Full PDB file with SEQRES, HELIX, SHEET, SSBOND, CRYST1, ORIGX, SCALE, CONECT and MASTER records, all heavy atoms in Angstrom:
SEQRES   1 A   30  ILE ASN PHE LYS ASN TYR LEU ASP VAL PHE HIS ILE MET          
SEQRES   2 A   30  PRO LEU TRP SER TYR ILE TRP ASN THR ILE VAL MET THR          
SEQRES   3 A   30  PHE LEU GLY VAL                                              
HELIX    1 AA1 LYS A    4  ILE A   12  1                                   9    
HELIX    2 AA2 LEU A   15  GLY A   29  1                                  15    
CRYST1    1.000    1.000    1.000  90.00  90.00  90.00 P 1           1          
ORIGX1      1.000000  0.000000  0.000000        0.00000                         
ORIGX2      0.000000  1.000000  0.000000        0.00000                         
ORIGX3      0.000000  0.000000  1.000000        0.00000                         
SCALE1      1.000000  0.000000  0.000000        0.00000                         
SCALE2      0.000000  1.000000  0.000000        0.00000                         
SCALE3      0.000000  0.000000  1.000000        0.00000                         
ATOM      1  N   ILE A   1      32.490  10.065 -23.272  1.00  0.00           N  
ATOM      2  CA  ILE A   1      32.481   9.757 -21.837  1.00  0.00           C  
ATOM      3  C   ILE A   1      33.006  10.966 -21.065  1.00  0.00           C  
ATOM      4  O   ILE A   1      34.076  11.487 -21.368  1.00  0.00           O  
ATOM      5  CB  ILE A   1      33.333   8.506 -21.549  1.00  0.00           C  
ATOM      6  CG1 ILE A   1      32.727   7.293 -22.255  1.00  0.00           C  
ATOM      7  CG2 ILE A   1      33.425   8.262 -20.045  1.00  0.00           C  
ATOM      8  CD1 ILE A   1      33.530   6.022 -22.084  1.00  0.00           C  
ATOM      9  N   ASN A   2      32.242  11.382 -20.071  1.00  0.00           N  
ATOM     10  CA  ASN A   2      32.554  12.606 -19.334  1.00  0.00           C  
ATOM     11  C   ASN A   2      32.734  12.286 -17.853  1.00  0.00           C  
ATOM     12  O   ASN A   2      31.756  12.162 -17.114  1.00  0.00           O  
ATOM     13  CB  ASN A   2      31.434  13.637 -19.540  1.00  0.00           C  
ATOM     14  CG  ASN A   2      31.742  14.956 -18.873  1.00  0.00           C  
ATOM     15  OD1 ASN A   2      32.911  15.284 -18.677  1.00  0.00           O  
ATOM     16  ND2 ASN A   2      30.715  15.703 -18.521  1.00  0.00           N  
ATOM     17  N   PHE A   3      33.985  12.141 -17.403  1.00  0.00           N  
ATOM     18  CA  PHE A   3      34.274  11.901 -15.992  1.00  0.00           C  
ATOM     19  C   PHE A   3      34.250  13.194 -15.179  1.00  0.00           C  
ATOM     20  O   PHE A   3      34.356  13.150 -13.950  1.00  0.00           O  
ATOM     21  CB  PHE A   3      35.650  11.233 -15.835  1.00  0.00           C  
ATOM     22  CG  PHE A   3      35.691   9.821 -16.340  1.00  0.00           C  
ATOM     23  CD1 PHE A   3      36.217   9.532 -17.584  1.00  0.00           C  
ATOM     24  CD2 PHE A   3      35.195   8.776 -15.568  1.00  0.00           C  
ATOM     25  CE1 PHE A   3      36.256   8.226 -18.052  1.00  0.00           C  
ATOM     26  CE2 PHE A   3      35.221   7.469 -16.030  1.00  0.00           C  
ATOM     27  CZ  PHE A   3      35.755   7.194 -17.282  1.00  0.00           C  
ATOM     28  N   LYS A   4      34.113  14.294 -15.845  1.00  0.00           N  
ATOM     29  CA  LYS A   4      34.142  15.597 -15.166  1.00  0.00           C  
ATOM     30  C   LYS A   4      32.951  15.764 -14.216  1.00  0.00           C  
ATOM     31  O   LYS A   4      33.031  16.545 -13.259  1.00  0.00           O  
ATOM     32  CB  LYS A   4      34.157  16.708 -16.217  1.00  0.00           C  
ATOM     33  CG  LYS A   4      34.409  18.102 -15.658  1.00  0.00           C  
ATOM     34  CD  LYS A   4      34.580  19.091 -16.798  1.00  0.00           C  
ATOM     35  CE  LYS A   4      34.785  20.505 -16.244  1.00  0.00           C  
ATOM     36  NZ  LYS A   4      33.575  21.018 -15.591  1.00  0.00           N  
ATOM     37  N   ASN A   5      31.862  15.022 -14.464  1.00  0.00           N  
ATOM     38  CA  ASN A   5      30.698  15.132 -13.585  1.00  0.00           C  
ATOM     39  C   ASN A   5      31.045  14.772 -12.147  1.00  0.00           C  
ATOM     40  O   ASN A   5      30.552  15.395 -11.200  1.00  0.00           O  
ATOM     41  CB  ASN A   5      29.581  14.221 -14.093  1.00  0.00           C  
ATOM     42  CG  ASN A   5      29.049  14.648 -15.440  1.00  0.00           C  
ATOM     43  OD1 ASN A   5      29.037  15.826 -15.752  1.00  0.00           O  
ATOM     44  ND2 ASN A   5      28.641  13.691 -16.258  1.00  0.00           N  
ATOM     45  N   TYR A   6      31.883  13.745 -11.965  1.00  0.00           N  
ATOM     46  CA  TYR A   6      32.258  13.318 -10.620  1.00  0.00           C  
ATOM     47  C   TYR A   6      33.097  14.385  -9.926  1.00  0.00           C  
ATOM     48  O   TYR A   6      32.967  14.585  -8.706  1.00  0.00           O  
ATOM     49  CB  TYR A   6      33.038  12.001 -10.691  1.00  0.00           C  
ATOM     50  CG  TYR A   6      32.181  10.824 -11.081  1.00  0.00           C  
ATOM     51  CD1 TYR A   6      32.010  10.466 -12.415  1.00  0.00           C  
ATOM     52  CD2 TYR A   6      31.525  10.058 -10.118  1.00  0.00           C  
ATOM     53  CE1 TYR A   6      31.218   9.391 -12.789  1.00  0.00           C  
ATOM     54  CE2 TYR A   6      30.733   8.979 -10.472  1.00  0.00           C  
ATOM     55  CZ  TYR A   6      30.587   8.654 -11.811  1.00  0.00           C  
ATOM     56  OH  TYR A   6      29.787   7.585 -12.159  1.00  0.00           O  
ATOM     57  N   LEU A   7      33.952  15.060 -10.669  1.00  0.00           N  
ATOM     58  CA  LEU A   7      34.753  16.130 -10.068  1.00  0.00           C  
ATOM     59  C   LEU A   7      33.897  17.353  -9.756  1.00  0.00           C  
ATOM     60  O   LEU A   7      34.084  18.002  -8.718  1.00  0.00           O  
ATOM     61  CB  LEU A   7      35.894  16.520 -11.017  1.00  0.00           C  
ATOM     62  CG  LEU A   7      36.902  15.420 -11.348  1.00  0.00           C  
ATOM     63  CD1 LEU A   7      37.925  15.928 -12.365  1.00  0.00           C  
ATOM     64  CD2 LEU A   7      37.605  14.933 -10.092  1.00  0.00           C  
ATOM     65  N   ASP A   8      32.948  17.638 -10.629  1.00  0.00           N  
ATOM     66  CA  ASP A   8      32.109  18.820 -10.414  1.00  0.00           C  
ATOM     67  C   ASP A   8      31.214  18.686  -9.190  1.00  0.00           C  
ATOM     68  O   ASP A   8      30.901  19.688  -8.534  1.00  0.00           O  
ATOM     69  CB  ASP A   8      31.239  19.069 -11.659  1.00  0.00           C  
ATOM     70  CG  ASP A   8      32.054  19.542 -12.844  1.00  0.00           C  
ATOM     71  OD1 ASP A   8      33.201  19.995 -12.624  1.00  0.00           O  
ATOM     72  OD2 ASP A   8      31.556  19.451 -13.981  1.00  0.00           O  
ATOM     73  N   VAL A   9      30.789  17.451  -8.881  1.00  0.00           N  
ATOM     74  CA  VAL A   9      29.928  17.244  -7.710  1.00  0.00           C  
ATOM     75  C   VAL A   9      30.648  17.674  -6.444  1.00  0.00           C  
ATOM     76  O   VAL A   9      30.051  18.268  -5.531  1.00  0.00           O  
ATOM     77  CB  VAL A   9      29.494  15.764  -7.621  1.00  0.00           C  
ATOM     78  CG1 VAL A   9      28.797  15.484  -6.295  1.00  0.00           C  
ATOM     79  CG2 VAL A   9      28.553  15.422  -8.767  1.00  0.00           C  
ATOM     80  N   PHE A  10      31.960  17.398  -6.349  1.00  0.00           N  
ATOM     81  CA  PHE A  10      32.727  17.784  -5.166  1.00  0.00           C  
ATOM     82  C   PHE A  10      32.885  19.293  -5.069  1.00  0.00           C  
ATOM     83  O   PHE A  10      33.083  19.828  -3.971  1.00  0.00           O  
ATOM     84  CB  PHE A  10      34.106  17.118  -5.200  1.00  0.00           C  
ATOM     85  CG  PHE A  10      34.084  15.654  -4.874  1.00  0.00           C  
ATOM     86  CD1 PHE A  10      33.954  14.707  -5.870  1.00  0.00           C  
ATOM     87  CD2 PHE A  10      34.177  15.226  -3.558  1.00  0.00           C  
ATOM     88  CE1 PHE A  10      33.934  13.364  -5.587  1.00  0.00           C  
ATOM     89  CE2 PHE A  10      34.149  13.876  -3.249  1.00  0.00           C  
ATOM     90  CZ  PHE A  10      34.025  12.937  -4.263  1.00  0.00           C  
ATOM     91  N   HIS A  11      32.810  19.993  -6.200  1.00  0.00           N  
ATOM     92  CA  HIS A  11      32.906  21.459  -6.175  1.00  0.00           C  
ATOM     93  C   HIS A  11      31.553  22.106  -5.901  1.00  0.00           C  
ATOM     94  O   HIS A  11      31.492  23.183  -5.303  1.00  0.00           O  
ATOM     95  CB  HIS A  11      33.459  21.970  -7.507  1.00  0.00           C  
ATOM     96  CG  HIS A  11      34.872  21.550  -7.778  1.00  0.00           C  
ATOM     97  ND1 HIS A  11      35.938  21.955  -7.009  1.00  0.00           N  
ATOM     98  CD2 HIS A  11      35.386  20.742  -8.746  1.00  0.00           C  
ATOM     99  CE1 HIS A  11      37.057  21.426  -7.478  1.00  0.00           C  
ATOM    100  NE2 HIS A  11      36.749  20.673  -8.535  1.00  0.00           N  
ATOM    101  N   ILE A  12      30.486  21.464  -6.332  1.00  0.00           N  
ATOM    102  CA  ILE A  12      29.153  22.025  -6.143  1.00  0.00           C  
ATOM    103  C   ILE A  12      28.723  21.978  -4.686  1.00  0.00           C  
ATOM    104  O   ILE A  12      28.099  22.905  -4.161  1.00  0.00           O  
ATOM    105  CB  ILE A  12      28.130  21.282  -7.025  1.00  0.00           C  
ATOM    106  CG1 ILE A  12      28.413  21.572  -8.495  1.00  0.00           C  
ATOM    107  CG2 ILE A  12      26.704  21.679  -6.692  1.00  0.00           C  
ATOM    108  CD1 ILE A  12      27.602  20.738  -9.452  1.00  0.00           C  
ATOM    109  N   MET A  13      29.069  20.898  -3.985  1.00  0.00           N  
ATOM    110  CA  MET A  13      28.668  20.717  -2.598  1.00  0.00           C  
ATOM    111  C   MET A  13      29.828  20.149  -1.795  1.00  0.00           C  
ATOM    112  O   MET A  13      30.717  19.500  -2.361  1.00  0.00           O  
ATOM    113  CB  MET A  13      27.458  19.774  -2.514  1.00  0.00           C  
ATOM    114  CG  MET A  13      27.724  18.393  -3.084  1.00  0.00           C  
ATOM    115  SD  MET A  13      26.256  17.346  -3.211  1.00  0.00           S  
ATOM    116  CE  MET A  13      25.747  17.245  -1.496  1.00  0.00           C  
ATOM    117  N   PRO A  14      29.877  20.384  -0.465  1.00  0.00           N  
ATOM    118  CA  PRO A  14      30.959  19.829   0.367  1.00  0.00           C  
ATOM    119  C   PRO A  14      30.790  18.319   0.565  1.00  0.00           C  
ATOM    120  O   PRO A  14      30.422  17.854   1.650  1.00  0.00           O  
ATOM    121  CB  PRO A  14      30.817  20.604   1.679  1.00  0.00           C  
ATOM    122  CG  PRO A  14      29.384  20.986   1.744  1.00  0.00           C  
ATOM    123  CD  PRO A  14      28.957  21.224   0.323  1.00  0.00           C  
ATOM    124  N   LEU A  15      31.044  17.559  -0.493  1.00  0.00           N  
ATOM    125  CA  LEU A  15      30.751  16.128  -0.485  1.00  0.00           C  
ATOM    126  C   LEU A  15      31.594  15.377   0.535  1.00  0.00           C  
ATOM    127  O   LEU A  15      31.117  14.437   1.176  1.00  0.00           O  
ATOM    128  CB  LEU A  15      30.972  15.549  -1.885  1.00  0.00           C  
ATOM    129  CG  LEU A  15      30.215  14.258  -2.193  1.00  0.00           C  
ATOM    130  CD1 LEU A  15      28.712  14.498  -2.123  1.00  0.00           C  
ATOM    131  CD2 LEU A  15      30.590  13.744  -3.579  1.00  0.00           C  
ATOM    132  N   TRP A  16      32.866  15.772   0.707  1.00  0.00           N  
ATOM    133  CA  TRP A  16      33.711  15.075   1.678  1.00  0.00           C  
ATOM    134  C   TRP A  16      33.173  15.233   3.090  1.00  0.00           C  
ATOM    135  O   TRP A  16      33.258  14.295   3.906  1.00  0.00           O  
ATOM    136  CB  TRP A  16      35.146  15.613   1.603  1.00  0.00           C  
ATOM    137  CG  TRP A  16      35.907  15.179   0.408  1.00  0.00           C  
ATOM    138  CD1 TRP A  16      36.434  15.962  -0.585  1.00  0.00           C  
ATOM    139  CD2 TRP A  16      36.247  13.821   0.049  1.00  0.00           C  
ATOM    140  NE1 TRP A  16      37.059  15.198  -1.527  1.00  0.00           N  
ATOM    141  CE2 TRP A  16      36.958  13.883  -1.172  1.00  0.00           C  
ATOM    142  CE3 TRP A  16      36.007  12.589   0.638  1.00  0.00           C  
ATOM    143  CZ2 TRP A  16      37.456  12.745  -1.811  1.00  0.00           C  
ATOM    144  CZ3 TRP A  16      36.489  11.446   0.006  1.00  0.00           C  
ATOM    145  CH2 TRP A  16      37.204  11.519  -1.197  1.00  0.00           C  
ATOM    146  N   SER A  17      32.625  16.381   3.396  1.00  0.00           N  
ATOM    147  CA  SER A  17      32.036  16.596   4.725  1.00  0.00           C  
ATOM    148  C   SER A  17      30.829  15.684   4.938  1.00  0.00           C  
ATOM    149  O   SER A  17      30.671  15.071   6.000  1.00  0.00           O  
ATOM    150  CB  SER A  17      31.634  18.057   4.879  1.00  0.00           C  
ATOM    151  OG  SER A  17      30.985  18.284   6.119  1.00  0.00           O  
ATOM    152  N   TYR A  18      29.985  15.546   3.912  1.00  0.00           N  
ATOM    153  CA  TYR A  18      28.819  14.675   4.015  1.00  0.00           C  
ATOM    154  C   TYR A  18      29.236  13.204   4.095  1.00  0.00           C  
ATOM    155  O   TYR A  18      28.611  12.412   4.809  1.00  0.00           O  
ATOM    156  CB  TYR A  18      27.893  14.900   2.827  1.00  0.00           C  
ATOM    157  CG  TYR A  18      27.251  16.265   2.811  1.00  0.00           C  
ATOM    158  CD1 TYR A  18      27.264  17.049   1.654  1.00  0.00           C  
ATOM    159  CD2 TYR A  18      26.621  16.776   3.935  1.00  0.00           C  
ATOM    160  CE1 TYR A  18      26.670  18.292   1.630  1.00  0.00           C  
ATOM    161  CE2 TYR A  18      26.032  18.024   3.918  1.00  0.00           C  
ATOM    162  CZ  TYR A  18      26.061  18.783   2.771  1.00  0.00           C  
ATOM    163  OH  TYR A  18      25.473  20.028   2.755  1.00  0.00           O  
ATOM    164  N   ILE A  19      30.275  12.851   3.361  1.00  0.00           N  
ATOM    165  CA  ILE A  19      30.779  11.472   3.432  1.00  0.00           C  
ATOM    166  C   ILE A  19      31.301  11.173   4.828  1.00  0.00           C  
ATOM    167  O   ILE A  19      31.060  10.085   5.388  1.00  0.00           O  
ATOM    168  CB  ILE A  19      31.868  11.247   2.362  1.00  0.00           C  
ATOM    169  CG1 ILE A  19      31.242  11.272   0.962  1.00  0.00           C  
ATOM    170  CG2 ILE A  19      32.584   9.918   2.586  1.00  0.00           C  
ATOM    171  CD1 ILE A  19      32.257  11.203  -0.166  1.00  0.00           C  
ATOM    172  N   TRP A  20      32.015  12.118   5.423  1.00  0.00           N  
ATOM    173  CA  TRP A  20      32.539  11.906   6.772  1.00  0.00           C  
ATOM    174  C   TRP A  20      31.398  11.776   7.785  1.00  0.00           C  
ATOM    175  O   TRP A  20      31.446  10.926   8.671  1.00  0.00           O  
ATOM    176  CB  TRP A  20      33.463  13.050   7.163  1.00  0.00           C  
ATOM    177  CG  TRP A  20      33.925  12.988   8.598  1.00  0.00           C  
ATOM    178  CD1 TRP A  20      33.575  13.816   9.615  1.00  0.00           C  
ATOM    179  CD2 TRP A  20      34.802  12.004   9.153  1.00  0.00           C  
ATOM    180  NE1 TRP A  20      34.174  13.425  10.787  1.00  0.00           N  
ATOM    181  CE2 TRP A  20      34.942  12.312  10.536  1.00  0.00           C  
ATOM    182  CE3 TRP A  20      35.479  10.910   8.639  1.00  0.00           C  
ATOM    183  CZ2 TRP A  20      35.738  11.569  11.390  1.00  0.00           C  
ATOM    184  CZ3 TRP A  20      36.273  10.149   9.494  1.00  0.00           C  
ATOM    185  CH2 TRP A  20      36.394  10.481  10.845  1.00  0.00           C  
ATOM    186  N   ASN A  21      30.371  12.617   7.662  1.00  0.00           N  
ATOM    187  CA  ASN A  21      29.206  12.499   8.554  1.00  0.00           C  
ATOM    188  C   ASN A  21      28.559  11.118   8.429  1.00  0.00           C  
ATOM    189  O   ASN A  21      28.177  10.505   9.432  1.00  0.00           O  
ATOM    190  CB  ASN A  21      28.166  13.574   8.205  1.00  0.00           C  
ATOM    191  CG  ASN A  21      28.672  14.970   8.461  1.00  0.00           C  
ATOM    192  OD1 ASN A  21      29.617  15.185   9.215  1.00  0.00           O  
ATOM    193  ND2 ASN A  21      28.059  15.944   7.813  1.00  0.00           N  
ATOM    194  N   THR A  22      28.460  10.620   7.200  1.00  0.00           N  
ATOM    195  CA  THR A  22      27.858   9.308   6.974  1.00  0.00           C  
ATOM    196  C   THR A  22      28.717   8.204   7.565  1.00  0.00           C  
ATOM    197  O   THR A  22      28.192   7.246   8.135  1.00  0.00           O  
ATOM    198  CB  THR A  22      27.662   9.071   5.463  1.00  0.00           C  
ATOM    199  OG1 THR A  22      27.025  10.203   4.894  1.00  0.00           O  
ATOM    200  CG2 THR A  22      26.807   7.842   5.219  1.00  0.00           C  
ATOM    201  N   ILE A  23      30.038   8.310   7.424  1.00  0.00           N  
ATOM    202  CA  ILE A  23      30.935   7.297   7.983  1.00  0.00           C  
ATOM    203  C   ILE A  23      30.805   7.233   9.499  1.00  0.00           C  
ATOM    204  O   ILE A  23      30.733   6.150  10.092  1.00  0.00           O  
ATOM    205  CB  ILE A  23      32.394   7.596   7.569  1.00  0.00           C  
ATOM    206  CG1 ILE A  23      32.578   7.360   6.068  1.00  0.00           C  
ATOM    207  CG2 ILE A  23      33.369   6.729   8.360  1.00  0.00           C  
ATOM    208  CD1 ILE A  23      33.938   7.776   5.540  1.00  0.00           C  
ATOM    209  N   VAL A  24      30.747   8.395  10.148  1.00  0.00           N  
ATOM    210  CA  VAL A  24      30.630   8.425  11.611  1.00  0.00           C  
ATOM    211  C   VAL A  24      29.309   7.804  12.053  1.00  0.00           C  
ATOM    212  O   VAL A  24      29.274   6.952  12.962  1.00  0.00           O  
ATOM    213  CB  VAL A  24      30.748   9.879  12.116  1.00  0.00           C  
ATOM    214  CG1 VAL A  24      30.429   9.951  13.616  1.00  0.00           C  
ATOM    215  CG2 VAL A  24      32.149  10.415  11.857  1.00  0.00           C  
ATOM    216  N   MET A  25      28.206   8.194  11.433  1.00  0.00           N  
ATOM    217  CA  MET A  25      26.899   7.649  11.798  1.00  0.00           C  
ATOM    218  C   MET A  25      26.836   6.145  11.546  1.00  0.00           C  
ATOM    219  O   MET A  25      26.321   5.390  12.377  1.00  0.00           O  
ATOM    220  CB  MET A  25      25.795   8.360  11.005  1.00  0.00           C  
ATOM    221  CG  MET A  25      25.607   9.817  11.338  1.00  0.00           C  
ATOM    222  SD  MET A  25      24.341  10.585  10.291  1.00  0.00           S  
ATOM    223  CE  MET A  25      24.552  12.309  10.747  1.00  0.00           C  
ATOM    224  N   THR A  26      27.358   5.718  10.411  1.00  0.00           N  
ATOM    225  CA  THR A  26      27.317   4.293  10.067  1.00  0.00           C  
ATOM    226  C   THR A  26      28.177   3.477  11.021  1.00  0.00           C  
ATOM    227  O   THR A  26      27.765   2.400  11.474  1.00  0.00           O  
ATOM    228  CB  THR A  26      27.792   4.085   8.625  1.00  0.00           C  
ATOM    229  OG1 THR A  26      26.987   4.882   7.746  1.00  0.00           O  
ATOM    230  CG2 THR A  26      27.681   2.633   8.222  1.00  0.00           C  
ATOM    231  N   PHE A  27      29.360   3.978  11.334  1.00  0.00           N  
ATOM    232  CA  PHE A  27      30.253   3.254  12.245  1.00  0.00           C  
ATOM    233  C   PHE A  27      29.625   3.102  13.627  1.00  0.00           C  
ATOM    234  O   PHE A  27      29.597   1.998  14.192  1.00  0.00           O  
ATOM    235  CB  PHE A  27      31.587   3.991  12.355  1.00  0.00           C  
ATOM    236  CG  PHE A  27      32.544   3.382  13.346  1.00  0.00           C  
ATOM    237  CD1 PHE A  27      33.259   2.240  13.029  1.00  0.00           C  
ATOM    238  CD2 PHE A  27      32.705   3.947  14.604  1.00  0.00           C  
ATOM    239  CE1 PHE A  27      34.132   1.670  13.949  1.00  0.00           C  
ATOM    240  CE2 PHE A  27      33.572   3.395  15.531  1.00  0.00           C  
ATOM    241  CZ  PHE A  27      34.286   2.245  15.196  1.00  0.00           C  
ATOM    242  N   LEU A  28      29.107   4.200  14.179  1.00  0.00           N  
ATOM    243  CA  LEU A  28      28.486   4.130  15.504  1.00  0.00           C  
ATOM    244  C   LEU A  28      27.263   3.210  15.482  1.00  0.00           C  
ATOM    245  O   LEU A  28      27.066   2.399  16.405  1.00  0.00           O  
ATOM    246  CB  LEU A  28      28.068   5.532  15.960  1.00  0.00           C  
ATOM    247  CG  LEU A  28      29.204   6.513  16.270  1.00  0.00           C  
ATOM    248  CD1 LEU A  28      28.646   7.895  16.582  1.00  0.00           C  
ATOM    249  CD2 LEU A  28      30.062   6.019  17.419  1.00  0.00           C  
ATOM    250  N   GLY A  29      26.444   3.313  14.452  1.00  0.00           N  
ATOM    251  CA  GLY A  29      25.247   2.480  14.381  1.00  0.00           C  
ATOM    252  C   GLY A  29      25.557   1.003  14.255  1.00  0.00           C  
ATOM    253  O   GLY A  29      24.943   0.166  14.927  1.00  0.00           O  
ATOM    254  N   VAL A  30      26.530   0.657  13.421  1.00  0.00           N  
ATOM    255  CA  VAL A  30      26.887  -0.755  13.230  1.00  0.00           C  
ATOM    256  C   VAL A  30      27.503  -1.337  14.492  1.00  0.00           C  
ATOM    257  O   VAL A  30      27.149  -2.446  14.920  1.00  0.00           O  
ATOM    258  CB  VAL A  30      27.847  -0.897  12.029  1.00  0.00           C  
ATOM    259  CG1 VAL A  30      28.404  -2.311  11.957  1.00  0.00           C  
ATOM    260  CG2 VAL A  30      27.139  -0.554  10.733  1.00  0.00           C  
TER     261      VAL A  30                                                      
MASTER        0    0    0    2    0    0    0    6  260    1    0    3          
END                                                                             
């Protein structure tokens, strides 16, 4: 079992920035 994939995704791309963009769009839309 390799949990390192989840950590590597955050290093490969600015995932927190994309998550924040999604939260803002979803909140305003809802």
